[in-house]
């Protein structure tokens, strides 16, 4: 699992605005987290839902090295594939995992 090749720029930006920013701690926290995006046929069938999911995946794949994308029903299966392809285009080293392979962090 690896952070995106442009992570250095994000860390530099964060260090300029966050007091006491520690890059190593930030990397460790991100590397230990897997974010899951879950949606249903309603979100997949309306343009606002699709746009929101697109934006969410674009943001998350720039920051997190592991992403899980799941549809709650078969109607969202095509969109799931599209979102996974988008994540890989943005971050070629991102890991896309299945939910049963990850330990979830509750917040």
N, C-alpha and C. Protein backbone atom coordinates (compact mmCIF):
# COMPACT_ATOMS: atom_id res chain seq x y z
N UNK A 1 0.85 -1.17 0.00
CA UNK A 1 0.00 0.00 0.00
C UNK A 1 0.90 1.23 0.00
N UNK A 2 0.59 2.15 -0.90
CA UNK A 2 1.44 3.33 -1.04
C UNK A 2 0.57 4.58 -1.20
N UNK A 3 1.09 5.66 -0.69
CA UNK A 3 0.41 6.94 -0.88
C UNK A 3 0.62 7.41 -2.30
N UNK A 4 -0.26 8.26 -2.77
CA UNK A 4 -0.17 8.78 -4.14
C UNK A 4 1.15 9.51 -4.36
N UNK A 5 1.61 9.51 -5.60
CA UNK A 5 2.89 10.14 -5.92
C UNK A 5 2.89 11.65 -5.69
N UNK A 6 1.73 12.25 -5.57
CA UNK A 6 1.65 13.69 -5.32
C UNK A 6 1.37 14.00 -3.85
N UNK A 7 1.55 13.01 -2.97
CA UNK A 7 1.30 13.21 -1.54
C UNK A 7 2.22 14.27 -0.95
N UNK A 8 3.44 14.38 -1.47
CA UNK A 8 4.38 15.38 -0.95
C UNK A 8 3.79 16.79 -1.02
N UNK A 9 3.10 17.09 -2.12
CA UNK A 9 2.49 18.42 -2.27
C UNK A 9 1.38 18.63 -1.25
N UNK A 10 0.59 17.60 -1.01
CA UNK A 10 -0.48 17.71 -0.02
C UNK A 10 0.10 17.91 1.38
N UNK A 11 1.16 17.17 1.69
CA UNK A 11 1.80 17.30 3.01
C UNK A 11 2.41 18.69 3.18
N UNK A 12 3.02 19.19 2.13
CA UNK A 12 3.60 20.54 2.19
C UNK A 12 2.52 21.58 2.44
N UNK A 13 1.41 21.46 1.74
CA UNK A 13 0.30 22.40 1.94
C UNK A 13 -0.23 22.32 3.36
N UNK A 14 -0.40 21.11 3.86
CA UNK A 14 -0.91 20.93 5.23
C UNK A 14 0.04 21.52 6.25
N UNK A 15 1.34 21.34 6.02
CA UNK A 15 2.31 21.86 6.99
C UNK A 15 2.31 23.38 7.06
N UNK A 16 1.88 24.03 5.99
CA UNK A 16 1.86 25.49 5.96
C UNK A 16 0.65 26.07 6.67
N UNK A 17 -0.40 25.27 6.84
CA UNK A 17 -1.61 25.82 7.47
C UNK A 17 -1.94 25.18 8.81
N UNK A 18 -1.36 24.01 9.11
CA UNK A 18 -1.65 23.33 10.37
C UNK A 18 -0.49 23.47 11.34
N UNK A 19 -0.75 24.05 12.46
CA UNK A 19 0.29 24.25 13.46
C UNK A 19 0.69 22.89 14.05
N UNK A 20 1.98 22.63 14.12
CA UNK A 20 2.48 21.39 14.68
C UNK A 20 2.27 20.17 13.80
N UNK A 21 2.11 20.38 12.50
CA UNK A 21 1.90 19.28 11.57
C UNK A 21 3.10 18.34 11.56
N UNK A 22 2.84 17.04 11.72
CA UNK A 22 3.89 16.03 11.69
C UNK A 22 3.61 15.08 10.53
N UNK A 23 4.42 15.16 9.50
CA UNK A 23 4.19 14.39 8.28
C UNK A 23 4.17 12.89 8.55
N UNK A 24 5.10 12.39 9.33
CA UNK A 24 5.19 10.94 9.59
C UNK A 24 3.93 10.43 10.29
N UNK A 25 3.44 11.17 11.26
CA UNK A 25 2.21 10.77 11.96
C UNK A 25 1.02 10.80 11.01
N UNK A 26 0.98 11.80 10.14
CA UNK A 26 -0.09 11.93 9.17
C UNK A 26 -0.06 10.75 8.19
N UNK A 27 1.12 10.41 7.70
CA UNK A 27 1.27 9.27 6.79
C UNK A 27 0.82 7.98 7.46
N UNK A 28 1.23 7.80 8.71
CA UNK A 28 0.88 6.59 9.44
C UNK A 28 -0.63 6.47 9.62
N UNK A 29 -1.28 7.59 9.96
CA UNK A 29 -2.72 7.58 10.14
C UNK A 29 -3.43 7.24 8.83
N UNK A 30 -3.00 7.86 7.72
CA UNK A 30 -3.64 7.60 6.44
C UNK A 30 -3.40 6.17 5.97
N UNK A 31 -2.19 5.67 6.17
CA UNK A 31 -1.85 4.32 5.73
C UNK A 31 -2.60 3.25 6.52
N UNK A 32 -2.99 3.57 7.73
CA UNK A 32 -3.72 2.61 8.56
C UNK A 32 -5.22 2.65 8.39
N UNK A 33 -5.70 3.51 7.52
CA UNK A 33 -7.15 3.67 7.35
C UNK A 33 -7.59 3.21 5.97
N UNK A 34 -8.71 2.54 5.95
CA UNK A 34 -9.37 2.18 4.69
C UNK A 34 -10.75 2.83 4.72
N UNK A 35 -11.03 3.64 3.74
CA UNK A 35 -12.29 4.37 3.68
C UNK A 35 -13.24 3.62 2.75
N UNK A 36 -14.47 3.43 3.21
CA UNK A 36 -15.47 2.75 2.39
C UNK A 36 -16.52 3.74 1.92
N UNK A 37 -16.81 3.70 0.64
CA UNK A 37 -17.89 4.48 0.04
C UNK A 37 -18.99 3.48 -0.33
N UNK A 38 -20.16 3.66 0.25
CA UNK A 38 -21.28 2.74 0.01
C UNK A 38 -22.45 3.55 -0.53
N UNK A 39 -23.10 3.01 -1.56
CA UNK A 39 -24.24 3.70 -2.14
C UNK A 39 -25.27 2.67 -2.59
N UNK A 40 -26.46 3.16 -2.90
CA UNK A 40 -27.53 2.26 -3.36
C UNK A 40 -28.04 2.70 -4.72
N UNK A 41 -29.07 2.02 -5.21
CA UNK A 41 -29.59 2.30 -6.55
C UNK A 41 -30.14 3.72 -6.68
N UNK A 42 -30.62 4.29 -5.58
CA UNK A 42 -31.12 5.66 -5.64
C UNK A 42 -30.00 6.63 -5.98
N UNK A 43 -28.88 6.51 -5.30
CA UNK A 43 -27.73 7.39 -5.58
C UNK A 43 -27.19 7.15 -6.98
N UNK A 44 -27.23 5.90 -7.43
CA UNK A 44 -26.70 5.56 -8.76
C UNK A 44 -27.62 6.01 -9.89
N UNK A 45 -28.89 6.24 -9.59
CA UNK A 45 -29.86 6.52 -10.65
C UNK A 45 -30.15 8.01 -10.85
N UNK A 46 -29.71 8.87 -9.94
CA UNK A 46 -29.97 10.30 -10.11
C UNK A 46 -28.64 11.03 -10.33
N UNK A 47 -28.69 12.07 -11.13
CA UNK A 47 -27.44 12.77 -11.48
C UNK A 47 -26.76 13.37 -10.25
N UNK A 48 -27.52 13.91 -9.31
CA UNK A 48 -26.91 14.49 -8.11
C UNK A 48 -26.15 13.44 -7.31
N UNK A 49 -26.71 12.25 -7.21
CA UNK A 49 -26.05 11.17 -6.50
C UNK A 49 -24.77 10.74 -7.19
N UNK A 50 -24.82 10.62 -8.50
CA UNK A 50 -23.64 10.22 -9.26
C UNK A 50 -22.55 11.29 -9.16
N UNK A 51 -22.92 12.56 -9.24
CA UNK A 51 -21.94 13.66 -9.13
C UNK A 51 -21.29 13.66 -7.75
N UNK A 52 -22.11 13.44 -6.72
CA UNK A 52 -21.59 13.43 -5.36
C UNK A 52 -20.61 12.28 -5.16
N UNK A 53 -20.96 11.11 -5.66
CA UNK A 53 -20.06 9.96 -5.56
C UNK A 53 -18.77 10.20 -6.34
N UNK A 54 -18.89 10.80 -7.51
CA UNK A 54 -17.72 11.12 -8.33
C UNK A 54 -16.78 12.06 -7.57
N UNK A 55 -17.34 13.11 -7.00
CA UNK A 55 -16.54 14.07 -6.24
C UNK A 55 -15.89 13.42 -5.02
N UNK A 56 -16.65 12.61 -4.32
CA UNK A 56 -16.15 11.93 -3.13
C UNK A 56 -14.96 11.02 -3.47
N UNK A 57 -15.10 10.23 -4.53
CA UNK A 57 -14.01 9.33 -4.93
C UNK A 57 -12.80 10.13 -5.39
N UNK A 58 -13.03 11.23 -6.09
CA UNK A 58 -11.90 12.08 -6.53
C UNK A 58 -11.12 12.61 -5.33
N UNK A 59 -11.81 13.05 -4.30
CA UNK A 59 -11.14 13.59 -3.12
C UNK A 59 -10.44 12.49 -2.31
N UNK A 60 -11.14 11.41 -2.06
CA UNK A 60 -10.58 10.34 -1.24
C UNK A 60 -9.38 9.66 -1.89
N UNK A 61 -9.41 9.47 -3.20
CA UNK A 61 -8.30 8.78 -3.85
C UNK A 61 -7.06 9.64 -3.95
N UNK A 62 -7.18 10.92 -3.70
CA UNK A 62 -6.01 11.79 -3.65
C UNK A 62 -5.33 11.75 -2.28
N UNK A 63 -6.02 11.25 -1.28
CA UNK A 63 -5.50 11.29 0.08
C UNK A 63 -5.23 9.91 0.66
N UNK A 64 -6.15 9.00 0.52
CA UNK A 64 -6.03 7.69 1.16
C UNK A 64 -5.43 6.64 0.22
N UNK A 65 -4.56 5.77 0.74
CA UNK A 65 -3.96 4.74 -0.10
C UNK A 65 -4.85 3.51 -0.31
N UNK A 66 -5.90 3.38 0.50
CA UNK A 66 -6.82 2.24 0.38
C UNK A 66 -8.25 2.74 0.36
N UNK A 67 -9.01 2.27 -0.61
CA UNK A 67 -10.39 2.69 -0.77
C UNK A 67 -11.24 1.46 -1.04
N UNK A 68 -12.42 1.44 -0.46
CA UNK A 68 -13.39 0.37 -0.68
C UNK A 68 -14.64 1.03 -1.26
N UNK A 69 -15.11 0.52 -2.38
CA UNK A 69 -16.31 1.07 -3.00
C UNK A 69 -17.31 -0.07 -3.14
N UNK A 70 -18.49 0.10 -2.57
CA UNK A 70 -19.52 -0.95 -2.59
C UNK A 70 -20.88 -0.39 -2.94
N UNK A 71 -21.61 -1.17 -3.70
CA UNK A 71 -23.00 -0.87 -3.99
C UNK A 71 -23.86 -1.82 -3.17
N UNK A 72 -24.95 -1.32 -2.62
CA UNK A 72 -25.83 -2.15 -1.81
C UNK A 72 -26.74 -3.04 -2.65
N UNK A 73 -26.78 -2.81 -3.94
CA UNK A 73 -27.65 -3.60 -4.81
C UNK A 73 -27.03 -3.74 -6.19
N UNK A 74 -27.59 -4.61 -6.99
CA UNK A 74 -27.06 -4.90 -8.32
C UNK A 74 -27.15 -3.70 -9.27
N UNK A 75 -28.11 -2.82 -9.09
CA UNK A 75 -28.27 -1.67 -9.97
C UNK A 75 -27.06 -0.73 -9.92
N UNK A 76 -26.32 -0.75 -8.85
CA UNK A 76 -25.16 0.12 -8.72
C UNK A 76 -23.85 -0.53 -9.13
N UNK A 77 -23.90 -1.78 -9.59
CA UNK A 77 -22.67 -2.52 -9.91
C UNK A 77 -21.86 -1.82 -11.01
N UNK A 78 -22.53 -1.32 -12.04
CA UNK A 78 -21.81 -0.63 -13.13
C UNK A 78 -21.12 0.63 -12.60
N UNK A 79 -21.83 1.41 -11.79
CA UNK A 79 -21.25 2.63 -11.23
C UNK A 79 -20.08 2.30 -10.32
N UNK A 80 -20.16 1.22 -9.59
CA UNK A 80 -19.05 0.79 -8.73
C UNK A 80 -17.78 0.62 -9.57
N UNK A 81 -17.90 -0.05 -10.70
CA UNK A 81 -16.75 -0.23 -11.58
C UNK A 81 -16.22 1.09 -12.12
N UNK A 82 -17.12 2.00 -12.48
CA UNK A 82 -16.72 3.31 -12.98
C UNK A 82 -15.96 4.10 -11.91
N UNK A 83 -16.45 4.04 -10.68
CA UNK A 83 -15.81 4.76 -9.58
C UNK A 83 -14.44 4.16 -9.26
N UNK A 84 -14.33 2.85 -9.32
CA UNK A 84 -13.04 2.21 -9.08
C UNK A 84 -12.04 2.59 -10.17
N UNK A 85 -12.49 2.61 -11.42
CA UNK A 85 -11.61 3.05 -12.52
C UNK A 85 -11.17 4.49 -12.34
N UNK A 86 -12.07 5.36 -11.90
CA UNK A 86 -11.75 6.75 -11.64
C UNK A 86 -10.67 6.86 -10.56
N UNK A 87 -10.83 6.10 -9.49
CA UNK A 87 -9.85 6.14 -8.40
C UNK A 87 -8.47 5.72 -8.89
N UNK A 88 -8.40 4.70 -9.73
CA UNK A 88 -7.10 4.23 -10.24
C UNK A 88 -6.50 5.23 -11.22
N UNK A 89 -7.34 5.89 -12.00
CA UNK A 89 -6.82 6.93 -12.92
C UNK A 89 -6.20 8.08 -12.15
N UNK A 90 -6.79 8.43 -11.03
CA UNK A 90 -6.27 9.53 -10.21
C UNK A 90 -5.03 9.09 -9.44
N UNK A 91 -5.08 7.91 -8.85
CA UNK A 91 -3.98 7.41 -8.03
C UNK A 91 -3.67 5.97 -8.47
N UNK A 92 -2.73 5.80 -9.40
CA UNK A 92 -2.43 4.47 -9.93
C UNK A 92 -1.96 3.46 -8.88
N UNK A 93 -1.49 3.90 -7.72
CA UNK A 93 -1.01 2.97 -6.70
C UNK A 93 -2.05 2.72 -5.60
N UNK A 94 -3.27 3.21 -5.78
CA UNK A 94 -4.31 3.01 -4.78
C UNK A 94 -4.69 1.54 -4.72
N UNK A 95 -5.02 1.08 -3.53
CA UNK A 95 -5.51 -0.29 -3.35
C UNK A 95 -7.01 -0.24 -3.20
N UNK A 96 -7.69 -1.02 -4.03
CA UNK A 96 -9.14 -1.15 -3.95
C UNK A 96 -9.41 -2.50 -3.33
N UNK A 97 -10.02 -2.50 -2.17
CA UNK A 97 -10.21 -3.74 -1.43
C UNK A 97 -11.68 -4.07 -1.28
N UNK A 98 -11.92 -5.33 -1.02
CA UNK A 98 -13.26 -5.80 -0.69
C UNK A 98 -13.46 -5.63 0.81
N UNK A 99 -14.66 -5.42 1.23
CA UNK A 99 -14.96 -5.12 2.63
C UNK A 99 -14.50 -6.22 3.57
N UNK A 100 -14.60 -7.48 3.20
CA UNK A 100 -14.22 -8.56 4.10
C UNK A 100 -12.71 -8.62 4.34
N UNK A 101 -11.90 -7.93 3.54
CA UNK A 101 -10.47 -7.96 3.71
C UNK A 101 -9.96 -6.84 4.62
N UNK A 102 -10.81 -5.96 5.05
CA UNK A 102 -10.37 -4.78 5.80
C UNK A 102 -10.88 -4.81 7.23
N UNK A 103 -10.12 -4.21 8.08
CA UNK A 103 -10.56 -3.99 9.44
C UNK A 103 -11.09 -2.57 9.48
N UNK A 104 -12.36 -2.43 9.83
CA UNK A 104 -13.00 -1.12 9.77
C UNK A 104 -12.72 -0.32 11.04
N UNK A 105 -12.55 0.97 10.86
CA UNK A 105 -12.35 1.90 11.96
C UNK A 105 -13.65 2.67 12.16
N UNK A 106 -14.24 2.57 13.32
CA UNK A 106 -15.48 3.30 13.60
C UNK A 106 -15.14 4.67 14.15
N UNK A 107 -15.78 5.69 13.60
CA UNK A 107 -15.57 7.04 14.09
C UNK A 107 -16.91 7.68 14.38
